[in-house]
Amino acid sequence: MRNDSHTVPDSLESLGLTPAQTTLYTALLRLHRASLAELAEAVDRPEEPLGHQLAALVRLGVVDQQSGEYFARHPAGALGRLIAERLDRLAEESRRIDSALGSIRTLMRDYDAGHDYRRGPFPVELVSGADELYESVVGMAVNAPPLELLTAIPDQRTVADFARKYADQWIDAHRHGLLSLRALLPVGSLTVSGLREKLRMLTEAGARVRTLDRVPSWFFTAGQDAAGLPAQWGGNLPENAYNYYYVRAPIVVGVLRSLFGELWARAEPLPWAEAADGAIQVLRLAAQGLPDETIARHLGVSVRTVRARFAEAMADLGAQSRFHAGVEAARRGWLDDGKP
């Protein structure tokens, strides 16, 4: 007797079952146990090919055989094991892809180095003045939002100038999704008057700030092809009239980004930092099922800023998707009320 009732979709192919095997497994589930002859009658097919398909299902672990009869294992256990094995294979494939991406980045650096070498001396411009420095950063952010800005500030006087006169520009740029900032400060500068409030506003807008006992020199990188270097490495910017060199060369930017990454890995969070930094805020709200637009209204920022914070969270967590970022954040305890 042929069974014409509804069968499981062919989506089980991703677990290693062919459509014919899926049909056979479904029929056996309904019979619970059956001989080869009974199954052949149920699906109206010859016994010989069914025998081969049943042997494959036994190897996959979704069917058992005993005393000439076949038993269907419960789908939750049988298919759950196949899903787990499939996820393990996907995770391994993802690791291989990550390794390949790392190789591509290395090759890109080699390409940039060769390109810079072939095209001769790269442009270097001497710039003077604090106003020019901070306004140029905002200008670059307006032209190519969100501008990824990495900056290291080694001395209290430069930090004090920033807090007193220029922080509000960067806070506003961050709130409007124009800027994505990571900053390193010497821990001794945290006593600068008014700095704590400015840093609180910056981090609430999505910036990330860490501290070191000693920051070796002032520098910044803007995106992948622009950087600022002090006229004297390790020197105090205000004492040198804010003279700095503006350089547009991927190879120089790459070196400074690598240096920043090494320093960032050793740096500590702000001592008063709470778990609710920008990236974690959007993850927690997204975990409540809120869409980007609602999260933006809740935080008082733009939708672009919300999406930039998701990207930052995914980068920090090594995640390939928002769902993956949420799973990893939950695993690390970032979605709890405590500090991550």
Protein backbone atom coordinates (compact mmCIF):
# COMPACT_ATOMS: atom_id res chain seq x y z
CA MET A 1 0.00 0.00 0.00
CA ARG A 2 1.49 3.31 -1.04
CA ASN A 3 1.61 6.13 1.53
CA ASP A 4 0.76 9.45 -0.22
CA SER A 5 0.68 11.55 2.98
CA HIS A 6 2.84 14.59 3.54
CA THR A 7 6.59 13.93 3.78
CA VAL A 8 9.46 15.84 5.37
CA PRO A 9 10.91 18.56 3.07
CA ASP A 10 14.19 17.87 1.33
CA SER A 11 15.93 20.28 3.72
CA LEU A 12 17.40 17.19 5.42
CA GLU A 13 19.74 16.93 2.45
CA SER A 14 22.04 19.35 4.32
CA LEU A 15 22.39 16.64 7.00
CA GLY A 16 23.39 13.97 4.47
CA LEU A 17 20.01 12.40 3.68
CA THR A 18 18.90 12.09 0.06
CA PRO A 19 15.24 12.81 -0.76
CA ALA A 20 14.64 9.06 -1.15
CA GLN A 21 16.21 8.36 2.25
CA THR A 22 14.11 11.12 3.82
CA THR A 23 10.95 9.56 2.40
CA LEU A 24 11.99 6.14 3.69
CA TYR A 25 12.88 7.50 7.16
CA THR A 26 9.51 9.31 7.33
CA ALA A 27 7.66 6.13 6.43
CA LEU A 28 9.55 4.18 9.08
CA LEU A 29 8.75 6.85 11.68
CA ARG A 30 5.05 6.32 11.04
CA LEU A 31 5.40 2.53 11.20
CA HIS A 32 7.82 2.78 14.15
CA ARG A 33 9.30 -0.59 13.18
CA ALA A 34 8.99 -2.68 10.06
CA SER A 35 10.61 -5.40 7.99
CA LEU A 36 12.11 -4.67 4.60
CA ALA A 37 9.06 -6.18 2.91
CA GLU A 38 6.66 -4.04 4.96
CA LEU A 39 8.62 -0.90 4.13
CA ALA A 40 8.69 -1.79 0.42
CA GLU A 41 4.93 -2.13 0.49
CA ALA A 42 4.49 1.13 2.42
CA VAL A 43 6.48 3.20 -0.07
CA ASP A 44 5.61 1.06 -3.12
CA ARG A 45 9.21 0.44 -4.16
CA PRO A 46 11.36 -2.63 -4.80
CA GLU A 47 13.14 -4.19 -1.83
CA GLU A 48 16.68 -4.21 -3.27
CA PRO A 49 17.28 -0.43 -3.53
CA LEU A 50 15.48 0.06 -0.21
CA GLY A 51 17.95 -2.31 1.43
CA HIS A 52 20.87 -0.12 0.32
CA GLN A 53 19.11 3.05 1.52
CA LEU A 54 18.28 1.47 4.88
CA ALA A 55 21.92 0.43 5.30
CA ALA A 56 22.91 4.07 4.67
CA LEU A 57 20.37 5.28 7.27
CA VAL A 58 21.79 2.80 9.78
CA ARG A 59 25.29 4.17 9.13
CA LEU A 60 23.98 7.72 9.63
CA GLY A 61 22.55 6.65 12.98
CA VAL A 62 18.91 7.55 12.31
CA VAL A 63 17.72 3.93 11.98
CA ASP A 64 18.51 0.78 14.00
CA GLN A 65 18.33 -2.80 12.73
CA GLN A 66 17.55 -5.80 14.91
CA SER A 67 16.38 -9.33 14.09
CA GLY A 68 15.42 -8.46 10.53
CA GLU A 69 13.40 -5.39 11.50
CA TYR A 70 14.21 -1.70 11.25
CA PHE A 71 13.47 0.83 14.00
CA ALA A 72 13.36 4.60 13.49
CA ARG A 73 15.27 6.52 16.12
CA HIS A 74 13.54 9.53 17.65
CA PRO A 75 14.15 12.59 15.40
CA ALA A 76 15.26 14.81 18.28
CA GLY A 77 18.16 12.52 19.09
CA ALA A 78 19.00 11.16 15.64
CA LEU A 79 18.76 14.41 13.69
CA GLY A 80 20.09 16.45 16.61
CA ARG A 81 23.33 14.46 16.44
CA LEU A 82 23.56 15.01 12.67
CA ILE A 83 22.94 18.74 13.18
CA ALA A 84 25.69 18.89 15.82
CA GLU A 85 28.11 17.15 13.47
CA ARG A 86 27.12 19.52 10.67
CA LEU A 87 27.68 22.54 12.93
CA ASP A 88 31.11 21.21 13.88
CA ARG A 89 31.99 20.93 10.19
CA LEU A 90 30.69 24.45 9.55
CA ALA A 91 32.71 25.79 12.49
CA GLU A 92 35.84 24.15 11.09
CA GLU A 93 35.08 25.60 7.67
CA SER A 94 34.56 29.02 9.26
CA ARG A 95 37.97 28.74 10.95
CA ARG A 96 39.55 27.90 7.61
CA ILE A 97 37.85 30.89 6.00
CA ASP A 98 39.09 33.15 8.82
CA SER A 99 42.60 31.82 8.21
CA ALA A 100 42.23 32.54 4.50
CA LEU A 101 41.03 36.07 5.26
CA GLY A 102 44.08 36.57 7.46
CA SER A 103 46.27 35.48 4.57
CA ILE A 104 44.49 37.93 2.27
CA ARG A 105 45.16 40.78 4.70
CA THR A 106 48.86 39.86 4.75
CA LEU A 107 48.98 39.74 0.97
CA MET A 108 47.20 43.10 0.80
CA ARG A 109 49.88 44.63 3.03
CA ASP A 110 52.53 43.19 0.72
CA TYR A 111 50.68 44.65 -2.26
CA ASP A 112 50.40 48.06 -0.59
CA ALA A 113 54.09 48.00 0.30
CA GLY A 114 55.02 47.20 -3.30
CA HIS A 115 52.62 49.83 -4.62
CA ASP A 116 54.08 52.48 -2.31
CA TYR A 117 57.60 51.46 -3.31
CA ARG A 118 56.86 51.68 -7.03
CA ARG A 119 55.11 55.01 -6.94
CA GLY A 120 58.01 56.62 -5.11
CA PRO A 121 57.95 58.99 -2.12
CA PHE A 122 54.54 59.27 -0.49
CA PRO A 123 53.02 62.67 0.31
CA VAL A 124 53.86 64.18 3.69
CA GLU A 125 52.34 67.45 4.84
CA LEU A 126 53.43 69.44 7.89
CA VAL A 127 50.36 70.76 9.72
CA SER A 128 50.36 73.22 12.62
CA GLY A 129 47.71 74.08 15.19
CA ALA A 130 45.27 72.20 17.42
CA ASP A 131 42.23 73.64 15.62
CA GLU A 132 43.50 72.31 12.30
CA LEU A 133 44.14 68.89 13.83
CA TYR A 134 40.71 68.30 15.40
CA GLU A 135 38.72 70.01 12.64
CA SER A 136 40.51 67.97 9.97
CA VAL A 137 39.44 64.76 11.70
CA VAL A 138 35.81 65.87 11.71
CA GLY A 139 36.14 66.88 8.05
CA MET A 140 37.44 63.44 7.09
CA ALA A 141 34.59 61.84 9.06
CA VAL A 142 31.99 63.92 7.21
CA ASN A 143 33.46 62.90 3.85
CA ALA A 144 33.71 59.15 4.62
CA PRO A 145 31.44 58.14 7.51
CA PRO A 146 31.87 56.30 9.75
CA LEU A 147 35.59 57.12 9.89
CA GLU A 148 37.57 54.57 11.90
CA LEU A 149 39.88 56.70 14.04
CA LEU A 150 42.62 55.22 16.22
CA THR A 151 44.52 57.66 18.40
CA ALA A 152 47.10 57.55 21.18
CA ILE A 153 47.66 60.54 23.47
CA PRO A 154 50.71 60.36 25.76
CA ASP A 155 50.54 63.47 27.97
CA GLN A 156 48.19 65.31 30.31
CA ARG A 157 48.43 68.66 28.57
CA THR A 158 47.18 67.29 25.24
CA VAL A 159 44.44 65.41 27.08
CA ALA A 160 43.47 68.60 28.94
CA ASP A 161 43.26 70.60 25.69
CA PHE A 162 41.07 67.89 24.19
CA ALA A 163 38.70 67.80 27.17
CA ARG A 164 38.44 71.57 27.43
CA LYS A 165 37.99 72.55 23.81
CA TYR A 166 37.67 69.72 21.29
CA ALA A 167 35.93 66.70 22.84
CA ASP A 168 32.44 68.01 22.09
CA GLN A 169 33.15 67.97 18.32
CA TRP A 170 34.08 64.28 18.43
CA ILE A 171 31.18 63.41 20.74
CA ASP A 172 28.74 65.04 18.32
CA ALA A 173 30.37 63.29 15.34
CA HIS A 174 30.03 59.96 17.13
CA ARG A 175 26.39 60.54 17.96
CA HIS A 176 25.66 61.23 14.31
CA GLY A 177 27.42 58.08 13.11
CA LEU A 178 30.30 59.96 11.48
CA LEU A 179 33.09 58.63 13.69
CA SER A 180 34.18 55.30 15.17
CA LEU A 181 36.86 56.08 17.75
CA ARG A 182 39.28 54.02 19.80
CA ALA A 183 41.60 56.03 22.04
CA LEU A 184 44.52 55.23 24.33
CA LEU A 185 45.30 57.56 27.24
CA PRO A 186 47.88 57.46 30.04
CA VAL A 187 46.15 56.44 33.26
CA GLY A 188 47.71 59.43 35.01
CA SER A 189 45.74 61.82 32.78
CA LEU A 190 42.37 60.66 34.17
CA THR A 191 42.63 63.27 36.92
CA VAL A 192 42.41 66.10 34.34
CA SER A 193 39.54 68.42 35.23
CA GLY A 194 36.36 67.69 33.28
CA LEU A 195 37.85 64.69 31.46
CA ARG A 196 35.74 62.03 33.16
CA GLU A 197 32.47 63.60 32.01
CA LYS A 198 33.73 64.00 28.45
CA LEU A 199 34.90 60.39 28.33
CA ARG A 200 31.57 59.24 29.73
CA MET A 201 29.77 61.09 26.93
CA LEU A 202 32.17 59.70 24.33
CA THR A 203 31.76 56.09 25.43
CA GLU A 204 27.99 56.45 25.66
CA ALA A 205 28.09 57.68 22.06
CA GLY A 206 29.94 54.48 21.11
CA ALA A 207 33.64 55.36 21.40
CA ARG A 208 36.01 53.00 23.19
CA VAL A 209 38.76 54.23 25.50
CA ARG A 210 41.48 52.34 27.34
CA THR A 211 44.43 53.35 29.47
CA LEU A 212 48.11 52.47 29.78
CA ASP A 213 50.65 53.37 32.44
CA ARG A 214 52.63 55.00 29.64
CA VAL A 215 51.64 55.79 26.06
CA PRO A 216 54.84 55.93 23.95
CA SER A 217 53.85 58.79 21.62
CA TRP A 218 51.02 60.71 20.08
CA PHE A 219 49.76 59.46 16.71
CA PHE A 220 46.54 58.71 14.91
CA THR A 221 45.29 56.74 11.94
CA ALA A 222 42.17 57.69 9.98
CA GLY A 223 40.78 54.82 7.97
CA GLN A 224 43.25 52.70 6.02
CA ASP A 225 45.34 55.32 4.21
CA ALA A 226 45.84 58.43 6.39
CA ALA A 227 47.85 58.99 9.56
CA GLY A 228 49.24 61.72 11.78
CA LEU A 229 52.72 61.59 13.29
CA PRO A 230 54.26 64.07 15.73
CA ALA A 231 57.09 66.29 14.57
CA GLN A 232 59.08 64.66 17.38
CA TRP A 233 58.23 61.06 18.28
CA GLY A 234 57.28 60.86 21.92
CA GLY A 235 57.15 64.64 22.18
CA ASN A 236 54.45 66.83 23.69
CA LEU A 237 52.16 68.25 21.00
CA PRO A 238 51.29 71.53 22.75
CA GLU A 239 54.98 72.23 23.45
CA ASN A 240 55.63 71.84 19.72
CA ALA A 241 52.76 74.14 18.68
CA TYR A 242 50.73 71.10 17.60
CA ASN A 243 53.07 70.55 14.68
CA TYR A 244 52.53 67.13 13.14
CA TYR A 245 53.03 65.33 9.87
CA TYR A 246 49.96 64.26 7.91
CA VAL A 247 50.86 61.18 5.87
CA ARG A 248 48.83 59.39 3.19
CA ALA A 249 50.48 56.00 2.64
CA PRO A 250 48.91 52.59 3.39
CA ILE A 251 52.25 51.12 4.47
CA VAL A 252 52.73 53.80 7.16
CA VAL A 253 49.12 53.50 8.28
CA GLY A 254 49.50 49.71 8.47
CA VAL A 255 52.54 50.00 10.75
CA LEU A 256 50.78 52.46 13.07
CA ARG A 257 47.60 50.34 13.16
CA SER A 258 49.69 47.32 14.13
CA LEU A 259 51.38 49.34 16.88
CA PHE A 260 48.02 50.56 18.13
CA GLY A 261 46.70 47.00 18.16
CA GLU A 262 49.62 45.85 20.31
CA LEU A 263 49.11 48.72 22.75
CA TRP A 264 45.33 48.23 22.82
CA ALA A 265 45.72 44.55 23.72
CA ARG A 266 47.80 45.51 26.79
CA ALA A 267 45.61 48.45 27.83
CA GLU A 268 42.97 48.44 30.57
CA PRO A 269 39.37 49.73 30.44
CA LEU A 270 38.54 53.01 32.12
CA PRO A 271 38.40 52.35 35.88
CA TRP A 272 34.84 53.67 36.12
CA ALA A 273 33.65 52.04 32.87
CA GLU A 274 30.35 50.21 33.13
CA ALA A 275 29.13 47.30 31.09
CA ALA A 276 26.79 49.59 29.14
CA ASP A 277 29.29 50.77 26.53
CA GLY A 278 27.93 51.38 23.07
CA ALA A 279 28.44 47.91 21.60
CA ILE A 280 27.04 46.09 24.63
CA GLN A 281 24.07 48.45 24.81
CA VAL A 282 22.92 47.54 21.31
CA LEU A 283 23.48 43.83 21.93
CA ARG A 284 21.36 43.94 25.10
CA LEU A 285 18.55 45.82 23.40
CA ALA A 286 18.68 43.57 20.34
CA ALA A 287 18.41 40.56 22.67
CA GLN A 288 15.03 41.99 23.73
CA GLY A 289 13.89 41.77 20.11
CA LEU A 290 14.10 45.51 19.35
CA PRO A 291 14.82 46.57 15.73
CA ASP A 292 17.59 49.03 14.83
CA GLU A 293 15.23 52.01 14.60
CA THR A 294 13.82 51.41 18.09
CA ILE A 295 17.31 50.90 19.54
CA ALA A 296 18.42 54.20 17.96
CA ARG A 297 15.47 56.08 19.51
CA HIS A 298 16.09 54.43 22.88
CA LEU A 299 19.77 55.47 22.92
CA GLY A 300 19.26 58.85 21.27
CA VAL A 301 21.62 58.07 18.40
CA SER A 302 21.26 57.52 14.66
CA VAL A 303 20.44 54.18 13.05
CA ARG A 304 23.86 54.39 11.37
CA THR A 305 25.49 54.58 14.80
CA VAL A 306 23.52 51.55 15.97
CA ARG A 307 24.72 49.55 12.96
CA ALA A 308 28.30 50.73 13.48
CA ARG A 309 28.11 49.51 17.09
CA PHE A 310 26.84 46.13 15.91
CA ALA A 311 29.84 45.96 13.58
CA GLU A 312 32.18 46.82 16.47
CA ALA A 313 30.60 44.15 18.65
CA MET A 314 30.93 41.55 15.90
CA ALA A 315 34.61 42.48 15.44
CA ASP A 316 35.30 42.26 19.19
CA LEU A 317 33.54 38.90 19.47
CA GLY A 318 34.93 37.41 16.27
CA ALA A 319 31.36 36.88 15.06
CA GLN A 320 30.20 36.45 11.47
CA SER A 321 26.63 37.64 12.08
CA ARG A 322 24.51 39.50 14.61
CA PHE A 323 23.00 36.21 15.78
CA HIS A 324 26.49 34.77 16.31
CA ALA A 325 27.49 37.96 18.17
CA GLY A 326 24.46 37.62 20.46
CA VAL A 327 25.27 33.98 21.22
CA GLU A 328 28.92 34.78 21.96
CA ALA A 329 28.01 37.84 24.06
CA ALA A 330 25.63 35.72 26.13
CA ARG A 331 28.32 33.07 26.58
CA ARG A 332 30.74 35.70 27.89
CA GLY A 333 28.12 37.18 30.21
CA TRP A 334 27.95 40.51 28.39
CA LEU A 335 24.17 40.48 28.33
CA ASP A 336 23.92 40.19 32.12
CA ASP A 337 23.70 43.22 34.39
CA GLY A 338 27.26 42.73 35.63
CA LYS A 339 30.45 43.99 34.05
CA PRO A 340 31.74 41.98 31.07
